[in-house]
């Protein structure tokens, strides 16, 4: 059962320079996300002419409640994303990497994860390139799923335990708005990458008693892992001296091994969808596509998340 639209987090996609990856991301977002979901494409002066055309065409036909903004001059990925998150106020936000491809049910399940436990500040989905949240093997980059629909159905059957992660991971993470504001948002003065800024944010949240967890029932594919900017990891090590050891210990112990194996077993037992159920289901009208909405003119537009 889908969560009501009002309860779903706002989806924020920081637009990147890879036009093909963005095209694939938006196509997957459209097919895997309930119609009417609020989506903000936030462009820090990154998209070129082809990327802008991809966004323009997608905006004209999407059934999602989407807005696009573009800065005239880039301020950097961390400063820009912090500005976007601040504009969302206390609303919960799902940050989706621009080269990620969500599987069906991803947003509803991430949102339900926050709703299930008020102590959860961040929830991260499984990913084929998700480091601590990687599947089927921890810390390894696997190929994108060949049968995403089956994998999404298998993930939906996972029990809601929500084990702790060392930090949230940047392929797809939902952030509790009140918790994010409590710790002051992202540190754009210290870090140049979302990769490092998200680790720092997670550790500050954890220090105040919040939890950074895995949402076992959600899966988001990605072409590659995120990466830090030069000097980011050194700054993390200065501020959080035990971070590298903590992460290495997590990777060696692999406390999520049983969960990974359970998802493998569930996937092996998932058959094809039941076509007869669709034939006899109560007929419902197809969702109407939203009216065509053109992106704002080049320059910084106004977002309405």
Protein backbone atom coordinates (compact mmCIF):
# COMPACT_ATOMS: atom_id res chain seq x y z
CA UNK A 1 0.00 0.00 0.00
CA UNK A 2 1.43 3.35 -0.97
CA UNK A 3 1.99 5.99 1.66
CA UNK A 4 -0.15 9.09 1.22
CA UNK A 5 1.56 11.74 -0.87
CA UNK A 6 1.64 14.18 2.05
CA UNK A 7 3.75 11.72 4.04
CA UNK A 8 6.34 11.10 1.35
CA UNK A 9 9.66 12.93 1.59
CA UNK A 10 10.59 15.56 -0.98
CA UNK A 11 12.97 14.08 -3.55
CA UNK A 12 16.02 16.24 -4.29
CA UNK A 13 18.23 15.36 -7.26
CA UNK A 14 21.45 17.41 -7.45
CA UNK A 15 21.92 17.68 -11.22
CA UNK A 16 25.33 16.59 -12.50
CA UNK A 17 27.30 16.84 -15.74
CA UNK A 18 26.65 13.28 -17.00
CA UNK A 19 23.70 13.70 -19.38
CA UNK A 20 23.20 9.98 -20.05
CA UNK A 21 23.21 9.13 -16.35
CA UNK A 22 20.74 11.93 -15.63
CA UNK A 23 18.42 10.68 -18.39
CA UNK A 24 18.47 7.16 -16.92
CA UNK A 25 17.96 8.53 -13.41
CA UNK A 26 14.90 10.56 -14.36
CA UNK A 27 13.37 7.66 -16.30
CA UNK A 28 13.79 5.33 -13.31
CA UNK A 29 12.51 8.00 -10.93
CA UNK A 30 9.38 8.41 -13.03
CA UNK A 31 8.57 4.70 -13.13
CA UNK A 32 9.45 3.91 -9.50
CA UNK A 33 7.85 6.87 -7.69
CA UNK A 34 4.16 7.60 -7.01
CA UNK A 35 2.55 10.22 -9.22
CA UNK A 36 2.34 13.62 -7.55
CA UNK A 37 5.48 13.16 -5.47
CA UNK A 38 7.34 16.41 -4.95
CA UNK A 39 10.67 16.44 -6.80
CA UNK A 40 13.29 19.19 -6.96
CA UNK A 41 15.97 19.06 -9.66
CA UNK A 42 18.65 21.36 -8.25
CA UNK A 43 21.29 22.45 -10.76
CA UNK A 44 24.43 24.15 -9.49
CA UNK A 45 25.26 25.37 -13.03
CA UNK A 46 26.27 21.83 -14.02
CA UNK A 47 23.97 20.75 -16.85
CA UNK A 48 25.09 21.53 -20.38
CA UNK A 49 22.79 22.10 -23.37
CA UNK A 50 21.98 18.40 -23.77
CA UNK A 51 21.41 17.95 -20.05
CA UNK A 52 19.10 20.95 -20.05
CA UNK A 53 17.17 19.41 -22.97
CA UNK A 54 16.84 16.12 -21.06
CA UNK A 55 15.40 18.01 -18.08
CA UNK A 56 13.10 20.11 -20.25
CA UNK A 57 11.62 17.08 -22.01
CA UNK A 58 11.19 15.16 -18.75
CA UNK A 59 9.54 18.12 -17.03
CA UNK A 60 7.03 18.43 -19.86
CA UNK A 61 5.74 14.89 -19.48
CA UNK A 62 6.33 13.83 -15.86
CA UNK A 63 3.46 12.82 -13.58
CA UNK A 64 5.55 13.93 -10.60
CA UNK A 65 5.18 17.36 -9.05
CA UNK A 66 8.57 18.52 -10.23
CA UNK A 67 10.49 21.79 -10.19
CA UNK A 68 13.87 22.69 -11.62
CA UNK A 69 16.24 25.44 -10.51
CA UNK A 70 19.59 26.45 -11.93
CA UNK A 71 22.17 28.80 -10.50
CA UNK A 72 23.91 31.22 -12.83
CA UNK A 73 27.23 30.44 -11.13
CA UNK A 74 28.11 27.32 -9.22
CA UNK A 75 28.78 27.55 -5.49
CA UNK A 76 29.94 23.95 -5.06
CA UNK A 77 27.95 20.76 -4.48
CA UNK A 78 27.90 20.94 -0.68
CA UNK A 79 27.01 24.63 -0.38
CA UNK A 80 24.34 24.24 -3.06
CA UNK A 81 22.76 21.16 -1.50
CA UNK A 82 22.83 22.77 1.95
CA UNK A 83 20.96 25.73 0.49
CA UNK A 84 18.38 23.40 -1.07
CA UNK A 85 17.91 21.42 2.14
CA UNK A 86 17.56 24.61 4.17
CA UNK A 87 14.81 25.78 1.81
CA UNK A 88 12.92 22.56 2.59
CA UNK A 89 12.71 23.54 6.25
CA UNK A 90 11.63 20.72 8.57
CA UNK A 91 10.38 18.55 5.71
CA UNK A 92 11.96 15.12 5.31
CA UNK A 93 14.07 14.98 2.15
CA UNK A 94 15.31 12.06 0.05
CA UNK A 95 18.55 13.01 -1.69
CA UNK A 96 18.98 10.91 -4.83
CA UNK A 97 22.28 10.89 -6.72
CA UNK A 98 21.94 12.04 -10.33
CA UNK A 99 23.41 8.75 -11.58
CA UNK A 100 21.17 6.57 -9.37
CA UNK A 101 18.22 4.49 -10.60
CA UNK A 102 15.61 3.80 -7.92
CA UNK A 103 13.61 0.57 -7.94
CA UNK A 104 9.83 0.53 -7.36
CA UNK A 105 8.74 1.29 -3.82
CA UNK A 106 12.01 2.97 -2.85
CA UNK A 107 10.57 6.25 -1.58
CA UNK A 108 7.56 4.83 0.23
CA UNK A 109 9.79 2.39 2.12
CA UNK A 110 12.41 4.97 3.01
CA UNK A 111 9.65 7.26 4.26
CA UNK A 112 8.09 4.43 6.28
CA UNK A 113 11.49 3.77 7.83
CA UNK A 114 11.59 7.29 9.32
CA UNK A 115 7.99 7.00 10.45
CA UNK A 116 8.65 3.71 12.20
CA UNK A 117 11.25 5.08 14.65
CA UNK A 118 11.49 8.72 15.72
CA UNK A 119 15.16 8.24 16.60
CA UNK A 120 16.12 7.58 12.97
CA UNK A 121 17.70 10.65 11.37
CA UNK A 122 18.87 9.05 8.13
CA UNK A 123 17.83 5.93 6.25
CA UNK A 124 19.85 4.54 3.35
CA UNK A 125 18.67 1.97 0.82
CA UNK A 126 20.57 -1.04 -0.46
CA UNK A 127 22.65 -0.39 -3.57
CA UNK A 128 24.83 -2.42 -5.91
CA UNK A 129 27.50 0.27 -5.33
CA UNK A 130 26.67 1.30 -1.79
CA UNK A 131 29.84 0.63 0.25
CA UNK A 132 28.56 -0.37 3.72
CA UNK A 133 25.04 -0.69 2.25
CA UNK A 134 26.22 -2.61 -0.84
CA UNK A 135 24.46 -5.76 -2.03
CA UNK A 136 25.13 -8.59 -2.68
CA UNK A 137 28.64 -8.11 -1.24
CA UNK A 138 29.75 -5.49 1.23
CA UNK A 139 32.17 -2.87 -0.01
CA UNK A 140 32.09 -4.11 -3.63
CA UNK A 141 30.63 -2.61 -6.79
CA UNK A 142 28.32 -5.08 -8.52
CA UNK A 143 26.56 -4.72 -11.84
CA UNK A 144 23.23 -2.93 -11.83
CA UNK A 145 20.33 -5.37 -11.26
CA UNK A 146 19.27 -7.35 -14.33
CA UNK A 147 15.74 -7.88 -12.99
CA UNK A 148 14.91 -4.75 -11.00
CA UNK A 149 11.21 -5.57 -10.62
CA UNK A 150 11.96 -8.95 -9.03
CA UNK A 151 14.60 -7.44 -6.78
CA UNK A 152 12.20 -4.71 -5.64
CA UNK A 153 9.60 -7.36 -4.76
CA UNK A 154 12.16 -9.40 -2.86
CA UNK A 155 13.36 -6.35 -0.92
CA UNK A 156 9.75 -5.51 0.00
CA UNK A 157 9.57 -8.82 1.88
CA UNK A 158 12.55 -8.01 4.11
CA UNK A 159 11.79 -7.58 7.83
CA UNK A 160 11.94 -4.03 9.17
CA UNK A 161 14.88 -4.29 11.57
CA UNK A 162 16.77 -1.19 10.38
CA UNK A 163 20.31 -2.01 11.51
CA UNK A 164 22.82 0.74 12.21
CA UNK A 165 25.22 1.94 9.51
CA UNK A 166 28.52 3.72 10.18
CA UNK A 167 27.05 6.63 8.23
CA UNK A 168 24.46 7.33 5.57
CA UNK A 169 25.54 6.65 1.98
CA UNK A 170 25.02 9.07 -0.88
CA UNK A 171 23.29 6.99 -3.57
CA UNK A 172 19.88 7.48 -1.89
CA UNK A 173 19.34 8.71 1.65
CA UNK A 174 16.28 10.15 3.35
CA UNK A 175 17.05 12.77 6.00
CA UNK A 176 14.73 13.76 8.82
CA UNK A 177 14.30 17.51 8.45
CA UNK A 178 14.07 18.33 12.16
CA UNK A 179 17.22 16.33 12.94
CA UNK A 180 19.16 17.90 10.07
CA UNK A 181 18.28 21.39 11.24
CA UNK A 182 19.14 20.51 14.83
CA UNK A 183 22.77 19.82 13.92
CA UNK A 184 23.09 22.82 11.61
CA UNK A 185 22.96 21.25 8.15
CA UNK A 186 25.94 20.47 5.93
CA UNK A 187 29.43 21.82 6.55
CA UNK A 188 30.17 23.51 3.23
CA UNK A 189 33.17 25.34 4.70
CA UNK A 190 35.08 22.11 5.39
CA UNK A 191 34.11 19.66 2.65
CA UNK A 192 33.96 19.86 -1.11
CA UNK A 193 31.94 16.69 -1.76
CA UNK A 194 28.51 15.40 -0.78
CA UNK A 195 30.28 12.10 -0.05
CA UNK A 196 32.32 13.56 2.83
CA UNK A 197 29.73 16.11 3.99
CA UNK A 198 27.16 13.31 4.41
CA UNK A 199 29.57 11.28 6.54
CA UNK A 200 30.23 14.33 8.71
CA UNK A 201 26.50 15.06 9.01
CA UNK A 202 25.82 11.43 9.97
CA UNK A 203 28.47 11.47 12.68
CA UNK A 204 27.15 14.72 14.14
CA UNK A 205 23.64 13.26 14.16
CA UNK A 206 24.93 10.12 15.86
CA UNK A 207 26.72 12.22 18.47
CA UNK A 208 23.36 13.72 19.48
CA UNK A 209 21.73 10.30 19.81
CA UNK A 210 20.12 10.00 16.37
CA UNK A 211 20.39 6.82 14.31
CA UNK A 212 21.75 6.29 10.78
CA UNK A 213 20.22 3.07 9.52
CA UNK A 214 19.77 0.75 6.57
CA UNK A 215 16.28 0.48 5.07
CA UNK A 216 16.34 -3.19 4.09
CA UNK A 217 13.20 -3.01 1.98
CA UNK A 218 14.40 -0.29 -0.43
CA UNK A 219 16.87 -0.68 -3.29
CA UNK A 220 18.44 2.00 -5.49
CA UNK A 221 20.91 1.06 -8.21
CA UNK A 222 23.89 3.20 -9.17
CA UNK A 223 26.52 3.18 -11.89
CA UNK A 224 29.42 3.96 -9.55
CA UNK A 225 30.24 4.79 -5.95
CA UNK A 226 30.46 8.34 -4.72
CA UNK A 227 33.89 9.81 -4.07
CA UNK A 228 35.44 12.56 -1.95
CA UNK A 229 37.18 15.69 -3.17
CA UNK A 230 40.87 16.14 -2.55
CA UNK A 231 41.54 16.76 1.15
CA UNK A 232 38.06 15.73 2.29
CA UNK A 233 39.12 12.49 3.96
CA UNK A 234 42.01 14.22 5.73
CA UNK A 235 39.58 16.74 7.18
CA UNK A 236 37.27 13.95 8.27
CA UNK A 237 40.17 12.21 10.00
CA UNK A 238 41.06 15.39 11.91
CA UNK A 239 37.50 16.01 13.07
CA UNK A 240 36.61 12.34 13.60
CA UNK A 241 39.86 10.49 14.46
CA UNK A 242 38.16 7.11 14.83
CA UNK A 243 36.20 7.26 11.57
CA UNK A 244 38.55 5.28 9.33
CA UNK A 245 39.04 2.56 11.95
CA UNK A 246 35.30 2.41 12.57
CA UNK A 247 34.55 2.00 8.89
CA UNK A 248 37.27 -0.61 8.39
CA UNK A 249 35.97 -2.59 11.36
CA UNK A 250 32.44 -2.51 9.96
CA UNK A 251 33.61 -3.76 6.57
CA UNK A 252 35.63 -6.59 8.15
CA UNK A 253 32.89 -7.72 10.58
CA UNK A 254 30.08 -7.26 8.06
CA UNK A 255 27.21 -7.21 10.58
CA UNK A 256 24.75 -7.06 7.67
CA UNK A 257 25.85 -10.42 6.21
CA UNK A 258 22.70 -12.20 7.36
CA UNK A 259 20.49 -9.48 5.87
CA UNK A 260 22.36 -9.71 2.57
CA UNK A 261 21.96 -13.47 2.46
CA UNK A 262 18.28 -13.17 3.34
CA UNK A 263 17.71 -10.83 0.39
CA UNK A 264 19.57 -13.26 -1.88
CA UNK A 265 17.30 -16.08 -0.69
CA UNK A 266 14.15 -14.00 -1.13
CA UNK A 267 15.19 -13.05 -4.65
CA UNK A 268 15.79 -16.70 -5.54
CA UNK A 269 12.26 -17.55 -4.43
CA UNK A 270 10.49 -14.69 -6.20
CA UNK A 271 8.54 -15.80 -9.24
CA UNK A 272 7.03 -13.71 -12.03
CA UNK A 273 4.14 -11.36 -11.21
CA UNK A 274 0.67 -12.93 -11.15
CA UNK A 275 -0.99 -11.71 -14.38
CA UNK A 276 -4.45 -13.03 -13.41
CA UNK A 277 -4.49 -10.81 -10.34
CA UNK A 278 -4.10 -7.81 -12.64
CA UNK A 279 -6.90 -9.06 -14.91
CA UNK A 280 -9.43 -9.32 -12.11
CA UNK A 281 -8.29 -6.34 -10.05
CA UNK A 282 -10.76 -3.52 -9.70
CA UNK A 283 -10.32 -1.15 -12.58
CA UNK A 284 -8.84 2.18 -11.58
CA UNK A 285 -8.31 5.16 -13.84
CA UNK A 286 -4.79 5.69 -15.10
CA UNK A 287 -3.01 8.58 -13.42
CA UNK A 288 -3.25 11.73 -15.48
CA UNK A 289 -0.01 13.23 -16.57
CA UNK A 290 0.68 16.59 -15.06
CA UNK A 291 0.29 19.51 -17.44
CA UNK A 292 3.44 20.46 -19.25
CA UNK A 293 5.68 22.60 -17.10
CA UNK A 294 8.65 24.30 -18.68
CA UNK A 295 11.78 24.69 -16.58
CA UNK A 296 12.54 28.23 -15.49
CA UNK A 297 14.71 30.26 -17.82
CA UNK A 298 18.42 29.90 -17.39
CA UNK A 299 19.45 31.59 -14.25
CA UNK A 300 18.33 30.70 -10.82
CA UNK A 301 14.69 29.76 -10.83
CA UNK A 302 12.31 29.55 -7.95
CA UNK A 303 11.65 26.14 -6.49
CA UNK A 304 8.42 25.02 -4.93
CA UNK A 305 9.30 21.71 -3.25
